[in-house]
């Protein structure tokens, strides 16, 4: 489904060049559950952002279903993001003024879905992640685990081919983190491709394949 060839990323801090990724070659098959680990500054989040087209590589090629998307324009990349990827963040990134139901409806609105369809799909997804009883609640009225469930429902809104999760359990208690990871495992068993970035070895074991990054390169790639 995804093939990265020679992906590098450099940033500048003043006059100093920082190389975040240095020639990454990586393939991800449909239906995989991939964990990415590495020390701070190893390039984990940069790699995830490039996979999700939230950032552009400095060099190299990114093939999504055999199309080199590094050659697409910004408007086309936005369409790729909305159609193919669902994002889950450590800090949930929910709109505080919107209810759980309204938060899940946001990506459906950007996709041009009619309001009736947005409502139906959002309710369906919130029930699916165990939040059907909290449709009208604001994020401030939800626990961290509940907010992350809403974020997962939102990530699934447009039937993405890939879920990208950056430290999805980082702000959660251990039992809440285990519930979220069990939910991601269940989604993967149903066919959704999942890629997570984590610093926690116990969380990485939920995946089926482990990528270890060090100094912007893949130091190890192993089945779990």
N, C-alpha and C. Protein backbone atom coordinates (compact mmCIF):
# COMPACT_ATOMS: atom_id res chain seq x y z
N UNK A 1 0.82 -1.20 0.00
CA UNK A 1 0.00 0.00 0.00
C UNK A 1 0.87 1.26 0.00
N UNK A 2 1.94 1.26 0.81
CA UNK A 2 2.84 2.41 0.91
C UNK A 2 4.27 1.95 0.67
N UNK A 3 5.01 2.76 -0.08
CA UNK A 3 6.44 2.49 -0.30
C UNK A 3 7.21 3.80 -0.23
N UNK A 4 8.13 3.88 0.71
CA UNK A 4 9.02 5.03 0.83
C UNK A 4 10.38 4.65 0.26
N UNK A 5 10.95 5.52 -0.56
CA UNK A 5 12.26 5.28 -1.15
C UNK A 5 13.16 6.48 -0.92
N UNK A 6 14.18 6.29 -0.12
CA UNK A 6 15.17 7.34 0.11
C UNK A 6 14.62 8.60 0.72
N UNK A 7 13.66 8.47 1.65
CA UNK A 7 13.03 9.64 2.25
C UNK A 7 13.96 10.28 3.27
N UNK A 8 14.29 11.55 3.03
CA UNK A 8 15.10 12.34 3.96
C UNK A 8 14.34 13.61 4.31
N UNK A 9 14.64 14.13 5.49
CA UNK A 9 14.02 15.39 5.92
C UNK A 9 15.04 16.20 6.71
N UNK A 10 15.27 17.43 6.27
CA UNK A 10 16.17 18.35 6.97
C UNK A 10 15.40 19.59 7.41
N UNK A 11 15.74 20.05 8.60
CA UNK A 11 15.21 21.31 9.12
C UNK A 11 16.38 22.26 9.35
N UNK A 12 16.07 23.53 9.38
CA UNK A 12 17.08 24.52 9.73
C UNK A 12 16.68 25.24 11.02
N UNK A 13 17.62 25.29 11.97
CA UNK A 13 17.46 26.09 13.18
C UNK A 13 18.49 27.20 13.09
N UNK A 14 18.05 28.35 12.61
CA UNK A 14 19.00 29.39 12.28
C UNK A 14 19.82 28.96 11.07
N UNK A 15 21.13 28.93 11.23
CA UNK A 15 22.01 28.48 10.16
C UNK A 15 22.40 27.02 10.29
N UNK A 16 21.86 26.35 11.31
CA UNK A 16 22.25 24.96 11.58
C UNK A 16 21.24 24.01 10.93
N UNK A 17 21.74 23.08 10.13
CA UNK A 17 20.88 22.09 9.49
C UNK A 17 20.72 20.88 10.40
N UNK A 18 19.47 20.49 10.64
CA UNK A 18 19.14 19.32 11.45
C UNK A 18 18.57 18.26 10.52
N UNK A 19 19.19 17.10 10.47
CA UNK A 19 18.67 16.02 9.64
C UNK A 19 17.81 15.11 10.50
N UNK A 20 16.50 15.13 10.27
CA UNK A 20 15.56 14.32 11.05
C UNK A 20 15.46 12.90 10.50
N UNK A 21 15.48 12.76 9.17
CA UNK A 21 15.43 11.45 8.52
C UNK A 21 16.52 11.40 7.46
N UNK A 22 17.15 10.24 7.33
CA UNK A 22 18.30 10.13 6.42
C UNK A 22 18.16 8.89 5.54
N UNK A 23 17.39 9.02 4.47
CA UNK A 23 17.31 7.95 3.48
C UNK A 23 16.50 6.75 3.93
N UNK A 24 15.24 6.99 4.33
CA UNK A 24 14.37 5.92 4.82
C UNK A 24 13.77 5.14 3.64
N UNK A 25 13.94 3.83 3.66
CA UNK A 25 13.26 2.91 2.74
C UNK A 25 12.31 2.06 3.57
N UNK A 26 11.03 2.09 3.24
CA UNK A 26 10.04 1.38 4.06
C UNK A 26 8.83 1.04 3.22
N UNK A 27 8.34 -0.19 3.37
CA UNK A 27 7.09 -0.61 2.73
C UNK A 27 6.09 -1.02 3.81
N UNK A 28 4.85 -0.64 3.61
CA UNK A 28 3.76 -1.00 4.53
C UNK A 28 2.67 -1.66 3.72
N UNK A 29 2.33 -2.88 4.08
CA UNK A 29 1.29 -3.63 3.38
C UNK A 29 -0.08 -3.33 3.97
N UNK A 30 -1.10 -3.45 3.15
CA UNK A 30 -2.47 -3.27 3.62
C UNK A 30 -2.77 -4.29 4.73
N UNK A 31 -3.37 -3.82 5.81
CA UNK A 31 -3.75 -4.70 6.92
C UNK A 31 -2.68 -4.88 7.98
N UNK A 32 -1.52 -4.24 7.84
CA UNK A 32 -0.47 -4.36 8.85
C UNK A 32 -0.82 -3.55 10.10
N UNK A 33 -0.17 -3.92 11.21
CA UNK A 33 -0.19 -3.13 12.45
C UNK A 33 1.27 -2.91 12.81
N UNK A 34 1.74 -1.69 12.55
CA UNK A 34 3.16 -1.36 12.64
C UNK A 34 3.41 -0.43 13.82
N UNK A 35 4.38 -0.77 14.67
CA UNK A 35 4.80 0.09 15.76
C UNK A 35 6.15 0.71 15.42
N UNK A 36 6.30 2.00 15.70
CA UNK A 36 7.56 2.71 15.47
C UNK A 36 8.07 3.20 16.81
N UNK A 37 9.30 2.80 17.15
CA UNK A 37 9.93 3.21 18.41
C UNK A 37 11.30 3.80 18.13
N UNK A 38 11.83 4.48 19.13
CA UNK A 38 13.17 5.05 19.03
C UNK A 38 13.35 6.11 20.09
N UNK A 39 14.58 6.48 20.41
CA UNK A 39 14.82 7.51 21.41
C UNK A 39 14.33 8.87 20.94
N UNK A 40 14.24 9.81 21.87
CA UNK A 40 13.84 11.17 21.54
C UNK A 40 14.78 11.74 20.47
N UNK A 41 14.20 12.35 19.43
CA UNK A 41 15.02 12.92 18.38
C UNK A 41 15.43 11.94 17.30
N UNK A 42 14.89 10.73 17.35
CA UNK A 42 15.27 9.70 16.36
C UNK A 42 14.56 9.87 15.03
N UNK A 43 13.49 10.69 15.01
CA UNK A 43 12.76 10.92 13.77
C UNK A 43 11.39 10.26 13.71
N UNK A 44 10.91 9.72 14.84
CA UNK A 44 9.64 8.98 14.85
C UNK A 44 8.47 9.83 14.38
N UNK A 45 8.28 10.97 15.03
CA UNK A 45 7.13 11.81 14.69
C UNK A 45 7.27 12.41 13.29
N UNK A 46 8.51 12.72 12.89
CA UNK A 46 8.72 13.23 11.53
C UNK A 46 8.30 12.19 10.51
N UNK A 47 8.67 10.94 10.74
CA UNK A 47 8.30 9.86 9.82
C UNK A 47 6.78 9.71 9.78
N UNK A 48 6.12 9.76 10.93
CA UNK A 48 4.67 9.63 10.97
C UNK A 48 4.00 10.79 10.22
N UNK A 49 4.53 12.00 10.41
CA UNK A 49 3.96 13.16 9.73
C UNK A 49 4.13 13.07 8.22
N UNK A 50 5.24 12.52 7.77
CA UNK A 50 5.44 12.34 6.33
C UNK A 50 4.51 11.26 5.80
N UNK A 51 4.35 10.17 6.56
CA UNK A 51 3.42 9.11 6.15
C UNK A 51 2.00 9.66 5.99
N UNK A 52 1.61 10.57 6.88
CA UNK A 52 0.27 11.13 6.85
C UNK A 52 0.14 12.38 6.00
N UNK A 53 1.20 12.74 5.30
CA UNK A 53 1.22 13.91 4.41
C UNK A 53 0.94 15.20 5.19
N UNK A 54 1.30 15.21 6.48
CA UNK A 54 1.26 16.44 7.27
C UNK A 54 2.54 17.23 7.07
N UNK A 55 3.57 16.58 6.55
CA UNK A 55 4.86 17.21 6.26
C UNK A 55 5.39 16.61 4.97
N UNK A 56 6.24 17.35 4.29
CA UNK A 56 6.81 16.90 3.03
C UNK A 56 8.27 16.54 3.22
N UNK A 57 8.74 15.46 2.60
CA UNK A 57 10.17 15.12 2.69
C UNK A 57 11.02 16.13 1.93
N UNK A 58 12.28 16.26 2.33
CA UNK A 58 13.22 17.11 1.60
C UNK A 58 13.66 16.42 0.31
N UNK A 59 13.71 15.10 0.34
CA UNK A 59 14.06 14.33 -0.85
C UNK A 59 13.52 12.92 -0.71
N UNK A 60 13.50 12.21 -1.84
CA UNK A 60 12.98 10.85 -1.85
C UNK A 60 11.59 10.78 -2.46
N UNK A 61 11.06 9.57 -2.56
CA UNK A 61 9.75 9.34 -3.18
C UNK A 61 8.83 8.60 -2.22
N UNK A 62 7.56 8.97 -2.24
CA UNK A 62 6.53 8.36 -1.40
C UNK A 62 5.44 7.86 -2.34
N UNK A 63 5.33 6.54 -2.43
CA UNK A 63 4.31 5.93 -3.29
C UNK A 63 3.15 5.43 -2.43
N UNK A 64 1.98 5.95 -2.72
CA UNK A 64 0.74 5.50 -2.09
C UNK A 64 -0.07 4.82 -3.16
N UNK A 65 -0.24 3.50 -3.01
CA UNK A 65 -0.94 2.70 -4.02
C UNK A 65 -0.37 2.99 -5.41
N UNK A 66 0.98 2.98 -5.48
CA UNK A 66 1.75 3.12 -6.72
C UNK A 66 1.71 4.51 -7.35
N UNK A 67 1.19 5.50 -6.62
CA UNK A 67 1.23 6.89 -7.09
C UNK A 67 2.24 7.66 -6.25
N UNK A 68 3.20 8.34 -6.90
CA UNK A 68 4.21 9.12 -6.19
C UNK A 68 3.55 10.43 -5.75
N UNK A 69 3.14 10.50 -4.49
CA UNK A 69 2.39 11.67 -4.03
C UNK A 69 3.31 12.85 -3.71
N UNK A 70 4.63 12.66 -3.72
CA UNK A 70 5.53 13.80 -3.53
C UNK A 70 5.45 14.76 -4.71
N UNK A 71 4.83 14.34 -5.80
CA UNK A 71 4.71 15.18 -6.99
C UNK A 71 3.38 15.93 -7.06
N UNK A 72 2.51 15.70 -6.06
CA UNK A 72 1.18 16.32 -6.09
C UNK A 72 1.22 17.75 -5.55
N UNK A 73 0.24 18.54 -5.96
CA UNK A 73 0.10 19.90 -5.46
C UNK A 73 -0.58 19.89 -4.09
N UNK A 74 -0.53 21.04 -3.40
CA UNK A 74 -1.06 21.13 -2.04
C UNK A 74 -2.54 20.75 -1.98
N UNK A 75 -3.34 21.21 -2.94
CA UNK A 75 -4.77 20.90 -2.93
C UNK A 75 -4.99 19.40 -3.10
N UNK A 76 -4.19 18.78 -3.97
CA UNK A 76 -4.31 17.34 -4.18
C UNK A 76 -3.86 16.57 -2.94
N UNK A 77 -2.83 17.07 -2.26
CA UNK A 77 -2.35 16.42 -1.03
C UNK A 77 -3.41 16.49 0.06
N UNK A 78 -4.12 17.62 0.15
CA UNK A 78 -5.20 17.75 1.13
C UNK A 78 -6.29 16.71 0.87
N UNK A 79 -6.59 16.47 -0.39
CA UNK A 79 -7.59 15.46 -0.74
C UNK A 79 -7.10 14.07 -0.36
N UNK A 80 -5.81 13.80 -0.57
CA UNK A 80 -5.23 12.51 -0.19
C UNK A 80 -5.34 12.31 1.32
N UNK A 81 -5.00 13.35 2.09
CA UNK A 81 -5.08 13.26 3.56
C UNK A 81 -6.50 12.93 4.01
N UNK A 82 -7.46 13.63 3.46
CA UNK A 82 -8.85 13.46 3.90
C UNK A 82 -9.42 12.11 3.48
N UNK A 83 -8.97 11.60 2.34
CA UNK A 83 -9.53 10.36 1.80
C UNK A 83 -8.86 9.12 2.37
N UNK A 84 -7.55 9.19 2.63
CA UNK A 84 -6.79 7.97 2.94
C UNK A 84 -6.38 7.81 4.40
N UNK A 85 -6.27 8.92 5.16
CA UNK A 85 -5.65 8.84 6.48
C UNK A 85 -6.58 9.29 7.60
N UNK A 86 -6.48 8.59 8.73
CA UNK A 86 -7.13 9.02 9.95
C UNK A 86 -6.06 9.22 11.00
N UNK A 87 -6.14 10.33 11.76
CA UNK A 87 -5.08 10.70 12.70
C UNK A 87 -5.57 10.65 14.14
N UNK A 88 -4.71 10.10 15.01
CA UNK A 88 -4.98 10.07 16.45
C UNK A 88 -3.75 10.64 17.14
N UNK A 89 -3.97 11.66 17.99
CA UNK A 89 -2.86 12.36 18.63
C UNK A 89 -2.87 12.13 20.15
N UNK A 90 -1.71 12.32 20.75
CA UNK A 90 -1.58 12.16 22.20
C UNK A 90 -2.52 13.11 22.95
N UNK A 91 -2.68 14.34 22.43
CA UNK A 91 -3.48 15.35 23.12
C UNK A 91 -4.92 15.42 22.61
N UNK A 92 -5.33 14.39 21.84
CA UNK A 92 -6.70 14.21 21.35
C UNK A 92 -7.08 15.19 20.23
N UNK A 93 -6.73 16.49 20.40
CA UNK A 93 -6.99 17.51 19.38
C UNK A 93 -8.47 17.62 19.02
N UNK A 94 -9.34 17.48 20.02
CA UNK A 94 -10.77 17.69 19.79
C UNK A 94 -11.09 19.19 19.88
N UNK A 95 -12.12 19.61 19.14
CA UNK A 95 -12.57 21.00 19.24
C UNK A 95 -13.34 21.16 20.55
N UNK A 96 -12.86 22.01 21.47
CA UNK A 96 -13.47 22.07 22.81
C UNK A 96 -14.91 22.57 22.82
N UNK A 97 -15.28 23.37 21.80
CA UNK A 97 -16.63 23.94 21.77
C UNK A 97 -17.64 23.02 21.09
N UNK A 98 -17.17 21.89 20.56
CA UNK A 98 -18.05 20.97 19.85
C UNK A 98 -18.30 19.72 20.69
N UNK A 99 -19.49 19.15 20.56
CA UNK A 99 -19.82 17.90 21.25
C UNK A 99 -19.05 16.74 20.61
N UNK A 100 -19.10 15.60 21.26
CA UNK A 100 -18.46 14.40 20.70
C UNK A 100 -19.00 14.13 19.30
N UNK A 101 -20.32 14.21 19.15
CA UNK A 101 -20.95 13.97 17.85
C UNK A 101 -20.46 14.97 16.80
N UNK A 102 -20.41 16.23 17.17
CA UNK A 102 -19.99 17.27 16.23
C UNK A 102 -18.51 17.12 15.86
N UNK A 103 -17.68 16.72 16.80
CA UNK A 103 -16.27 16.51 16.50
C UNK A 103 -16.08 15.43 15.44
N UNK A 104 -16.84 14.36 15.55
CA UNK A 104 -16.72 13.27 14.58
C UNK A 104 -17.26 13.68 13.22
N UNK A 105 -18.19 14.62 13.21
CA UNK A 105 -18.78 15.07 11.95
C UNK A 105 -17.85 15.98 11.14
N UNK A 106 -16.81 16.56 11.78
CA UNK A 106 -15.97 17.55 11.11
C UNK A 106 -15.32 17.02 9.83
N UNK A 107 -14.59 15.88 9.87
CA UNK A 107 -13.98 15.40 8.62
C UNK A 107 -15.01 15.03 7.55
N UNK A 108 -16.20 14.64 7.97
CA UNK A 108 -17.26 14.33 7.01
C UNK A 108 -17.74 15.59 6.32
N UNK A 109 -17.74 16.71 7.06
CA UNK A 109 -18.11 17.99 6.46
C UNK A 109 -17.08 18.38 5.39
N UNK A 110 -15.79 18.24 5.73
CA UNK A 110 -14.73 18.56 4.77
C UNK A 110 -14.80 17.66 3.54
N UNK A 111 -15.33 16.45 3.73
CA UNK A 111 -15.46 15.53 2.60
C UNK A 111 -16.70 15.82 1.76
N UNK A 112 -17.49 16.81 2.18
CA UNK A 112 -18.65 17.22 1.39
C UNK A 112 -19.89 16.37 1.59
N UNK A 113 -19.95 15.62 2.72
CA UNK A 113 -21.12 14.77 2.97
C UNK A 113 -22.31 15.61 3.44
N UNK A 114 -23.50 15.18 3.08
CA UNK A 114 -24.72 15.86 3.51
C UNK A 114 -24.89 15.73 5.02
N UNK A 115 -25.59 16.69 5.63
CA UNK A 115 -25.71 16.70 7.09
C UNK A 115 -26.34 15.42 7.62
N UNK A 116 -27.37 14.91 6.96
CA UNK A 116 -28.02 13.69 7.44
C UNK A 116 -27.04 12.53 7.44
N UNK A 117 -26.20 12.45 6.42
CA UNK A 117 -25.21 11.38 6.36
C UNK A 117 -24.14 11.58 7.41
N UNK A 118 -23.75 12.84 7.66
CA UNK A 118 -22.75 13.12 8.70
C UNK A 118 -23.26 12.68 10.06
N UNK A 119 -24.50 12.98 10.35
CA UNK A 119 -25.10 12.59 11.64
C UNK A 119 -25.15 11.07 11.78
N UNK A 120 -25.62 10.40 10.74
CA UNK A 120 -25.76 8.94 10.79
C UNK A 120 -24.40 8.28 11.01
N UNK A 121 -23.40 8.71 10.22
CA UNK A 121 -22.07 8.09 10.29
C UNK A 121 -21.41 8.37 11.64
N UNK A 122 -21.53 9.61 12.15
CA UNK A 122 -20.90 9.96 13.42
C UNK A 122 -21.52 9.17 14.58
N UNK A 123 -22.85 9.06 14.58
CA UNK A 123 -23.51 8.27 15.63
C UNK A 123 -23.08 6.81 15.56
N UNK A 124 -23.03 6.27 14.37
CA UNK A 124 -22.63 4.88 14.17
C UNK A 124 -21.23 4.63 14.72
N UNK A 125 -20.30 5.54 14.42
CA UNK A 125 -18.92 5.36 14.86
C UNK A 125 -18.78 5.52 16.37
N UNK A 126 -19.47 6.46 16.94
CA UNK A 126 -19.38 6.65 18.39
C UNK A 126 -19.96 5.44 19.14
N UNK A 127 -21.02 4.87 18.62
CA UNK A 127 -21.52 3.62 19.21
C UNK A 127 -20.47 2.52 19.07
N UNK A 128 -19.80 2.49 17.93
CA UNK A 128 -18.80 1.44 17.66
C UNK A 128 -17.64 1.49 18.65
N UNK A 129 -17.26 2.70 19.08
CA UNK A 129 -16.13 2.82 20.02
C UNK A 129 -16.60 2.93 21.46
N UNK A 130 -17.86 2.61 21.71
CA UNK A 130 -18.37 2.59 23.08
C UNK A 130 -18.72 3.95 23.64
N UNK A 131 -19.02 4.92 22.77
CA UNK A 131 -19.35 6.27 23.23
C UNK A 131 -20.74 6.71 22.81
N UNK A 132 -21.60 5.76 22.52
CA UNK A 132 -22.95 6.08 22.10
C UNK A 132 -23.77 6.78 23.16
N UNK A 133 -23.37 6.66 24.44
CA UNK A 133 -24.10 7.30 25.54
C UNK A 133 -23.58 8.70 25.84
N UNK A 134 -22.58 9.18 25.07
CA UNK A 134 -21.96 10.48 25.36
C UNK A 134 -21.98 11.40 24.14
N UNK A 135 -22.94 11.22 23.26
CA UNK A 135 -22.96 11.94 21.98
C UNK A 135 -22.94 13.45 22.16
N UNK A 136 -23.65 13.96 23.14
CA UNK A 136 -23.84 15.41 23.28
C UNK A 136 -22.84 16.06 24.23
N UNK A 137 -21.95 15.27 24.79
CA UNK A 137 -21.01 15.80 25.78
C UNK A 137 -19.85 16.54 25.11
N UNK A 138 -19.41 17.62 25.75
CA UNK A 138 -18.23 18.36 25.31
C UNK A 138 -16.97 17.63 25.78
N UNK A 139 -15.81 17.86 25.14
CA UNK A 139 -14.57 17.22 25.57
C UNK A 139 -14.26 17.43 27.05
N UNK A 140 -14.58 18.62 27.59
CA UNK A 140 -14.29 18.89 29.01
C UNK A 140 -15.14 18.03 29.94
N UNK A 141 -16.20 17.44 29.42
CA UNK A 141 -17.07 16.59 30.22
C UNK A 141 -16.71 15.11 30.09
N UNK A 142 -15.63 14.83 29.37
CA UNK A 142 -15.20 13.45 29.13
C UNK A 142 -13.85 13.19 29.77
N UNK A 143 -13.62 11.94 30.16
CA UNK A 143 -12.30 11.54 30.67
C UNK A 143 -11.32 11.48 29.51
N UNK A 144 -10.03 11.34 29.83
CA UNK A 144 -9.02 11.22 28.78
C UNK A 144 -9.27 10.03 27.87
N UNK A 145 -9.61 8.90 28.46
CA UNK A 145 -9.89 7.71 27.66
C UNK A 145 -11.09 7.89 26.76
N UNK A 146 -12.12 8.59 27.28
CA UNK A 146 -13.31 8.85 26.47
C UNK A 146 -12.99 9.80 25.33
N UNK A 147 -12.19 10.83 25.61
CA UNK A 147 -11.79 11.76 24.55
C UNK A 147 -11.02 11.04 23.45
N UNK A 148 -10.15 10.09 23.84
CA UNK A 148 -9.39 9.37 22.83
C UNK A 148 -10.30 8.46 22.00
N UNK A 149 -11.33 7.92 22.61
CA UNK A 149 -12.30 7.11 21.85
C UNK A 149 -13.03 7.98 20.81
N UNK A 150 -13.37 9.20 21.21
CA UNK A 150 -13.98 10.12 20.26
C UNK A 150 -13.00 10.43 19.13
N UNK A 151 -11.73 10.63 19.48
CA UNK A 151 -10.71 10.91 18.46
C UNK A 151 -10.56 9.74 17.50
N UNK A 152 -10.68 8.52 18.00
CA UNK A 152 -10.60 7.34 17.13
C UNK A 152 -11.80 7.30 16.20
N UNK A 153 -12.99 7.58 16.74
CA UNK A 153 -14.20 7.63 15.90
C UNK A 153 -14.03 8.67 14.80
N UNK A 154 -13.50 9.83 15.16
CA UNK A 154 -13.26 10.88 14.16
C UNK A 154 -12.26 10.41 13.10
N UNK A 155 -11.21 9.71 13.53
CA UNK A 155 -10.21 9.22 12.60
C UNK A 155 -10.79 8.24 11.59
N UNK A 156 -11.86 7.54 11.99
CA UNK A 156 -12.47 6.52 11.13
C UNK A 156 -13.57 7.09 10.22
N UNK A 157 -13.86 8.37 10.36
CA UNK A 157 -15.06 8.95 9.74
C UNK A 157 -15.13 8.70 8.23
N UNK A 158 -14.03 8.87 7.53
CA UNK A 158 -14.05 8.75 6.07
C UNK A 158 -13.49 7.42 5.56
N UNK A 159 -13.61 6.38 6.40
CA UNK A 159 -13.13 5.05 6.02
C UNK A 159 -11.69 5.08 5.51
N UNK A 160 -10.75 5.55 6.34
CA UNK A 160 -9.37 5.69 5.88
C UNK A 160 -8.72 4.34 5.60
N UNK A 161 -7.74 4.35 4.70
CA UNK A 161 -6.97 3.14 4.45
C UNK A 161 -5.90 2.94 5.52
N UNK A 162 -5.59 4.01 6.26
CA UNK A 162 -4.50 3.94 7.24
C UNK A 162 -4.82 4.82 8.44
N UNK A 163 -4.70 4.24 9.66
CA UNK A 163 -4.79 5.01 10.90
C UNK A 163 -3.37 5.29 11.38
N UNK A 164 -3.07 6.57 11.65
CA UNK A 164 -1.76 7.00 12.13
C UNK A 164 -1.94 7.56 13.54
N UNK A 165 -1.26 6.96 14.51
CA UNK A 165 -1.44 7.34 15.90
C UNK A 165 -0.10 7.73 16.53
N UNK A 166 -0.01 8.95 17.01
CA UNK A 166 1.21 9.47 17.63
C UNK A 166 1.06 9.46 19.14
N UNK A 167 1.72 8.52 19.81
CA UNK A 167 1.63 8.35 21.27
C UNK A 167 0.17 8.35 21.72
N UNK A 168 -0.67 7.46 21.19
CA UNK A 168 -2.11 7.52 21.47
C UNK A 168 -2.48 7.25 22.92
N UNK A 169 -1.56 6.68 23.71
CA UNK A 169 -1.86 6.39 25.12
C UNK A 169 -1.02 7.26 26.06
N UNK A 170 -0.29 8.22 25.51
CA UNK A 170 0.67 8.99 26.30
C UNK A 170 0.08 9.75 27.47
N UNK A 171 -1.17 10.21 27.36
CA UNK A 171 -1.80 10.99 28.42
C UNK A 171 -2.81 10.19 29.23
N UNK A 172 -2.78 8.86 29.08
CA UNK A 172 -3.81 8.04 29.69
C UNK A 172 -3.25 7.18 30.82
N UNK A 173 -4.12 6.86 31.78
CA UNK A 173 -3.76 5.87 32.80
C UNK A 173 -3.57 4.51 32.12
N UNK A 174 -2.85 3.62 32.80
CA UNK A 174 -2.48 2.33 32.20
C UNK A 174 -3.70 1.56 31.70
N UNK A 175 -4.77 1.49 32.51
CA UNK A 175 -5.94 0.71 32.10
C UNK A 175 -6.65 1.37 30.92
N UNK A 176 -6.66 2.71 30.88
CA UNK A 176 -7.27 3.40 29.75
C UNK A 176 -6.45 3.17 28.48
N UNK A 177 -5.12 3.20 28.62
CA UNK A 177 -4.25 2.94 27.47
C UNK A 177 -4.47 1.55 26.91
N UNK A 178 -4.62 0.58 27.80
CA UNK A 178 -4.85 -0.80 27.35
C UNK A 178 -6.18 -0.91 26.60
N UNK A 179 -7.20 -0.17 27.05
CA UNK A 179 -8.50 -0.19 26.36
C UNK A 179 -8.39 0.41 24.96
N UNK A 180 -7.63 1.51 24.84
CA UNK A 180 -7.45 2.15 23.54
C UNK A 180 -6.68 1.23 22.59
N UNK A 181 -5.64 0.59 23.09
CA UNK A 181 -4.86 -0.31 22.24
C UNK A 181 -5.67 -1.54 21.83
N UNK A 182 -6.51 -2.04 22.73
CA UNK A 182 -7.39 -3.16 22.38
C UNK A 182 -8.36 -2.75 21.28
N UNK A 183 -8.82 -1.50 21.33
CA UNK A 183 -9.72 -0.99 20.29
C UNK A 183 -8.99 -0.90 18.95
N UNK A 184 -7.76 -0.42 18.95
CA UNK A 184 -6.97 -0.35 17.72
C UNK A 184 -6.69 -1.75 17.17
N UNK A 185 -6.42 -2.69 18.07
CA UNK A 185 -6.23 -4.08 17.63
C UNK A 185 -7.48 -4.63 16.95
N UNK A 186 -8.62 -4.32 17.54
CA UNK A 186 -9.89 -4.79 16.97
C UNK A 186 -10.11 -4.19 15.58
N UNK A 187 -9.81 -2.90 15.43
CA UNK A 187 -9.94 -2.25 14.12
C UNK A 187 -9.00 -2.90 13.10
N UNK A 188 -7.79 -3.24 13.56
CA UNK A 188 -6.84 -3.90 12.67
C UNK A 188 -7.33 -5.27 12.24
N UNK A 189 -7.93 -6.01 13.17
CA UNK A 189 -8.47 -7.34 12.83
C UNK A 189 -9.59 -7.22 11.79
N UNK A 190 -10.26 -6.07 11.78
CA UNK A 190 -11.34 -5.84 10.81
C UNK A 190 -10.79 -5.35 9.47
N UNK A 191 -9.46 -5.18 9.37
CA UNK A 191 -8.85 -4.84 8.09
C UNK A 191 -8.20 -3.48 7.99
N UNK A 192 -8.33 -2.65 9.04
CA UNK A 192 -7.73 -1.32 9.00
C UNK A 192 -6.23 -1.41 9.25
N UNK A 193 -5.45 -0.75 8.42
CA UNK A 193 -4.00 -0.67 8.61
C UNK A 193 -3.71 0.36 9.70
N UNK A 194 -2.84 0.02 10.65
CA UNK A 194 -2.55 0.89 11.79
C UNK A 194 -1.05 1.08 11.92
N UNK A 195 -0.63 2.34 12.10
CA UNK A 195 0.76 2.66 12.40
C UNK A 195 0.77 3.53 13.65
N UNK A 196 1.50 3.11 14.68
CA UNK A 196 1.59 3.91 15.89
C UNK A 196 3.04 4.27 16.18
N UNK A 197 3.23 5.46 16.74
CA UNK A 197 4.52 5.87 17.30
C UNK A 197 4.37 5.82 18.81
N UNK A 198 5.31 5.18 19.48
CA UNK A 198 5.26 5.09 20.94
C UNK A 198 6.67 5.01 21.52
N UNK A 199 6.81 5.49 22.75
CA UNK A 199 8.08 5.33 23.48
C UNK A 199 7.97 4.17 24.47
N UNK A 200 6.78 3.58 24.58
CA UNK A 200 6.49 2.56 25.59
C UNK A 200 6.61 1.15 24.99
N UNK A 201 7.60 0.37 25.41
CA UNK A 201 7.77 -0.98 24.85
C UNK A 201 6.53 -1.85 25.01
N UNK A 202 5.78 -1.68 26.12
CA UNK A 202 4.60 -2.51 26.32
C UNK A 202 3.51 -2.18 25.32
N UNK A 203 3.44 -0.93 24.88
CA UNK A 203 2.46 -0.52 23.88
C UNK A 203 2.87 -1.03 22.50
N UNK A 204 4.16 -1.03 22.22
CA UNK A 204 4.64 -1.46 20.90
C UNK A 204 4.29 -2.91 20.61
N UNK A 205 4.15 -3.73 21.67
CA UNK A 205 3.89 -5.16 21.47
C UNK A 205 2.47 -5.44 20.97
N UNK A 206 1.60 -4.44 20.97
CA UNK A 206 0.27 -4.64 20.40
C UNK A 206 0.34 -4.78 18.88
N UNK A 207 1.40 -4.25 18.28
CA UNK A 207 1.57 -4.35 16.84
C UNK A 207 2.06 -5.72 16.43
N UNK A 208 2.17 -5.91 15.11
CA UNK A 208 2.67 -7.17 14.55
C UNK A 208 4.07 -7.02 13.95
N UNK A 209 4.51 -5.76 13.88
CA UNK A 209 5.82 -5.46 13.29
C UNK A 209 6.37 -4.23 13.99
N UNK A 210 7.67 -4.26 14.27
CA UNK A 210 8.31 -3.18 15.02
C UNK A 210 9.44 -2.57 14.21
N UNK A 211 9.37 -1.24 14.04
CA UNK A 211 10.44 -0.48 13.39
C UNK A 211 11.17 0.30 14.48
N UNK A 212 12.48 0.15 14.56
CA UNK A 212 13.30 0.92 15.50
C UNK A 212 14.06 1.98 14.72
N UNK A 213 13.86 3.24 15.10
CA UNK A 213 14.59 4.35 14.47
C UNK A 213 15.71 4.82 15.39
N UNK A 214 16.82 5.18 14.77
CA UNK A 214 17.93 5.77 15.52
C UNK A 214 18.65 6.75 14.60
N UNK A 215 18.75 7.99 15.04
CA UNK A 215 19.45 9.03 14.27
C UNK A 215 18.92 9.16 12.85
N UNK A 216 17.60 9.04 12.71
CA UNK A 216 16.98 9.26 11.42
C UNK A 216 17.06 8.12 10.43
N UNK A 217 17.51 6.96 10.88
CA UNK A 217 17.57 5.79 10.00
C UNK A 217 16.90 4.61 10.69
N UNK A 218 16.49 3.62 9.91
CA UNK A 218 15.88 2.41 10.48
C UNK A 218 16.98 1.50 10.97
N UNK A 219 17.05 1.32 12.30
CA UNK A 219 18.07 0.48 12.90
C UNK A 219 17.65 -0.98 12.94
N UNK A 220 16.33 -1.23 12.95
CA UNK A 220 15.84 -2.61 12.99
C UNK A 220 14.41 -2.62 12.48
N UNK A 221 14.03 -3.73 11.87
CA UNK A 221 12.69 -3.94 11.32
C UNK A 221 12.38 -5.41 11.54
N UNK A 222 11.47 -5.70 12.48
CA UNK A 222 11.24 -7.09 12.87
C UNK A 222 9.77 -7.39 13.08
N UNK A 223 9.40 -8.62 12.83
CA UNK A 223 8.06 -9.10 13.16
C UNK A 223 8.00 -9.32 14.66
N UNK A 224 6.81 -9.07 15.23
CA UNK A 224 6.62 -9.28 16.67
C UNK A 224 5.85 -10.57 16.89
